[in-house]
């Protein structure tokens, strides 16, 4: 999976996607999701590093069956809040202090 972390005034923003999704666009009805290099591009990491990033995130955007599946499995995202867009999954995480 690919992780991109950036500090913002609001806290740590984490973007996670499956390795093979960079540059892809998914559309379903009036929803369009583009996995851009600018936002999601970063370091290819293992599951432990993804879990670490999500644990520290204030906000996270997660795309892909593997990445979203891990976020659900680890309890960061409730499966009921996962959006299916064409052939992939998308979830967002917001940690409230």
C-alpha atoms as a PDB file:
ATOM      1  CA  UNK A   1       0.000   0.000   0.000  1.00  0.00           C
ATOM      2  CA  UNK A   2       1.059   3.602  -0.493  1.00  0.00           C
ATOM      3  CA  UNK A   3       0.955   6.133   2.347  1.00  0.00           C
ATOM      4  CA  UNK A   4       1.300   9.895   2.131  1.00  0.00           C
ATOM      5  CA  UNK A   5       1.439  11.889   5.376  1.00  0.00           C
ATOM      6  CA  UNK A   6       1.322  15.679   5.626  1.00  0.00           C
ATOM      7  CA  UNK A   7       1.028  17.965   8.596  1.00  0.00           C
ATOM      8  CA  UNK A   8      -1.717  20.578   8.376  1.00  0.00           C
ATOM      9  CA  UNK A   9      -2.919  23.257  10.767  1.00  0.00           C
ATOM     10  CA  UNK A  10      -5.710  20.856  11.772  1.00  0.00           C
ATOM     11  CA  UNK A  11      -3.373  17.876  12.380  1.00  0.00           C
ATOM     12  CA  UNK A  12      -1.949  14.926  10.462  1.00  0.00           C
ATOM     13  CA  UNK A  13      -3.586  14.219   7.098  1.00  0.00           C
ATOM     14  CA  UNK A  14      -2.975  10.668   5.871  1.00  0.00           C
ATOM     15  CA  UNK A  15      -3.774   9.343   2.390  1.00  0.00           C
ATOM     16  CA  UNK A  16      -3.605   5.576   1.834  1.00  0.00           C
ATOM     17  CA  UNK A  17      -4.245   3.617  -1.349  1.00  0.00           C
ATOM     18  CA  UNK A  18      -3.602   0.204  -2.822  1.00  0.00           C
ATOM     19  CA  UNK A  19      -0.345   0.044  -4.802  1.00  0.00           C
ATOM     20  CA  UNK A  20      -2.015  -0.400  -8.185  1.00  0.00           C
ATOM     21  CA  UNK A  21      -4.519   2.476  -7.953  1.00  0.00           C
ATOM     22  CA  UNK A  22      -2.374   5.596  -8.508  1.00  0.00           C
ATOM     23  CA  UNK A  23      -3.642   7.466 -11.551  1.00  0.00           C
ATOM     24  CA  UNK A  24      -6.906   5.518 -11.711  1.00  0.00           C
ATOM     25  CA  UNK A  25     -10.372   7.101 -11.811  1.00  0.00           C
ATOM     26  CA  UNK A  26     -13.488   5.353 -10.543  1.00  0.00           C
ATOM     27  CA  UNK A  27     -17.036   6.499 -11.300  1.00  0.00           C
ATOM     28  CA  UNK A  28     -20.385   5.361  -9.991  1.00  0.00           C
ATOM     29  CA  UNK A  29     -23.483   7.425 -10.714  1.00  0.00           C
ATOM     30  CA  UNK A  30     -22.635  11.036  -9.892  1.00  0.00           C
ATOM     31  CA  UNK A  31     -19.594  10.063  -7.750  1.00  0.00           C
ATOM     32  CA  UNK A  32     -16.130  10.322  -9.268  1.00  0.00           C
ATOM     33  CA  UNK A  33     -12.933   9.387  -7.419  1.00  0.00           C
ATOM     34  CA  UNK A  34      -9.479  10.009  -8.915  1.00  0.00           C
ATOM     35  CA  UNK A  35      -6.469   8.582  -7.098  1.00  0.00           C
ATOM     36  CA  UNK A  36      -3.963  11.309  -7.959  1.00  0.00           C
ATOM     37  CA  UNK A  37      -0.205  11.126  -7.498  1.00  0.00           C
ATOM     38  CA  UNK A  38      -0.325  14.602  -5.924  1.00  0.00           C
ATOM     39  CA  UNK A  39      -2.612  13.527  -3.095  1.00  0.00           C
ATOM     40  CA  UNK A  40      -2.060   9.778  -2.667  1.00  0.00           C
ATOM     41  CA  UNK A  41       1.492   9.407  -3.978  1.00  0.00           C
ATOM     42  CA  UNK A  42       4.017   8.560  -1.296  1.00  0.00           C
ATOM     43  CA  UNK A  43       5.942   5.667   0.149  1.00  0.00           C
ATOM     44  CA  UNK A  44       5.087   2.010  -0.475  1.00  0.00           C
ATOM     45  CA  UNK A  45       4.808   0.434   2.986  1.00  0.00           C
ATOM     46  CA  UNK A  46       3.670  -2.731   4.762  1.00  0.00           C
ATOM     47  CA  UNK A  47       0.472  -3.186   6.764  1.00  0.00           C
ATOM     48  CA  UNK A  48       2.123  -2.298  10.085  1.00  0.00           C
ATOM     49  CA  UNK A  49       3.198   1.103   8.732  1.00  0.00           C
ATOM     50  CA  UNK A  50      -0.312   1.778   7.408  1.00  0.00           C
ATOM     51  CA  UNK A  51      -1.800   0.941  10.815  1.00  0.00           C
ATOM     52  CA  UNK A  52       0.739   3.241  12.500  1.00  0.00           C
ATOM     53  CA  UNK A  53      -0.125   6.126  10.154  1.00  0.00           C
ATOM     54  CA  UNK A  54      -3.868   5.666  10.621  1.00  0.00           C
ATOM     55  CA  UNK A  55      -3.437   5.528  14.406  1.00  0.00           C
ATOM     56  CA  UNK A  56      -1.729   8.947  14.335  1.00  0.00           C
ATOM     57  CA  UNK A  57      -4.031  10.528  11.716  1.00  0.00           C
ATOM     58  CA  UNK A  58      -6.396  13.364  12.454  1.00  0.00           C
ATOM     59  CA  UNK A  59      -7.960  12.885   9.016  1.00  0.00           C
ATOM     60  CA  UNK A  60      -7.425  10.029   6.569  1.00  0.00           C
ATOM     61  CA  UNK A  61      -8.601   9.221   3.057  1.00  0.00           C
ATOM     62  CA  UNK A  62      -8.355   5.541   2.200  1.00  0.00           C
ATOM     63  CA  UNK A  63      -8.858   3.977  -1.246  1.00  0.00           C
ATOM     64  CA  UNK A  64      -8.705   0.379  -2.404  1.00  0.00           C
ATOM     65  CA  UNK A  65      -9.975  -2.988  -1.307  1.00  0.00           C
ATOM     66  CA  UNK A  66      -6.761  -3.882   0.528  1.00  0.00           C
ATOM     67  CA  UNK A  67      -6.319  -0.503   2.264  1.00  0.00           C
ATOM     68  CA  UNK A  68      -9.964  -0.085   3.269  1.00  0.00           C
ATOM     69  CA  UNK A  69     -10.152  -3.741   4.315  1.00  0.00           C
ATOM     70  CA  UNK A  70      -7.203  -3.213   6.652  1.00  0.00           C
ATOM     71  CA  UNK A  71      -8.739  -0.022   8.086  1.00  0.00           C
ATOM     72  CA  UNK A  72     -11.979  -1.909   8.804  1.00  0.00           C
ATOM     73  CA  UNK A  73     -10.156  -4.940  10.231  1.00  0.00           C
ATOM     74  CA  UNK A  74      -8.103  -2.722  12.568  1.00  0.00           C
ATOM     75  CA  UNK A  75     -11.188  -0.813  13.758  1.00  0.00           C
ATOM     76  CA  UNK A  76     -10.394   2.578  12.229  1.00  0.00           C
ATOM     77  CA  UNK A  77     -13.434   2.512   9.923  1.00  0.00           C
ATOM     78  CA  UNK A  78     -16.878   0.991  10.390  1.00  0.00           C
ATOM     79  CA  UNK A  79     -17.744  -1.198   7.411  1.00  0.00           C
ATOM     80  CA  UNK A  80     -21.174   0.479   7.215  1.00  0.00           C
ATOM     81  CA  UNK A  81     -19.407   3.745   6.327  1.00  0.00           C
ATOM     82  CA  UNK A  82     -17.424   2.352   3.378  1.00  0.00           C
ATOM     83  CA  UNK A  83     -18.376   3.647  -0.056  1.00  0.00           C
ATOM     84  CA  UNK A  84     -18.119   1.373  -3.075  1.00  0.00           C
ATOM     85  CA  UNK A  85     -17.183   3.333  -6.195  1.00  0.00           C
ATOM     86  CA  UNK A  86     -17.149   1.239  -9.355  1.00  0.00           C
ATOM     87  CA  UNK A  87     -14.632  -1.547  -8.617  1.00  0.00           C
ATOM     88  CA  UNK A  88     -12.948  -0.077  -5.538  1.00  0.00           C
ATOM     89  CA  UNK A  89     -13.693   1.013  -1.981  1.00  0.00           C
ATOM     90  CA  UNK A  90     -13.289   4.433  -0.351  1.00  0.00           C
ATOM     91  CA  UNK A  91     -13.432   5.470   3.281  1.00  0.00           C
ATOM     92  CA  UNK A  92     -12.640   8.562   5.295  1.00  0.00           C
ATOM     93  CA  UNK A  93     -11.489   8.771   8.879  1.00  0.00           C
ATOM     94  CA  UNK A  94     -11.864  11.746  11.206  1.00  0.00           C
ATOM     95  CA  UNK A  95     -10.455  11.520  14.731  1.00  0.00           C
ATOM     96  CA  UNK A  96     -12.153  13.884  17.131  1.00  0.00           C
ATOM     97  CA  UNK A  97     -10.155  14.914  20.167  1.00  0.00           C
END
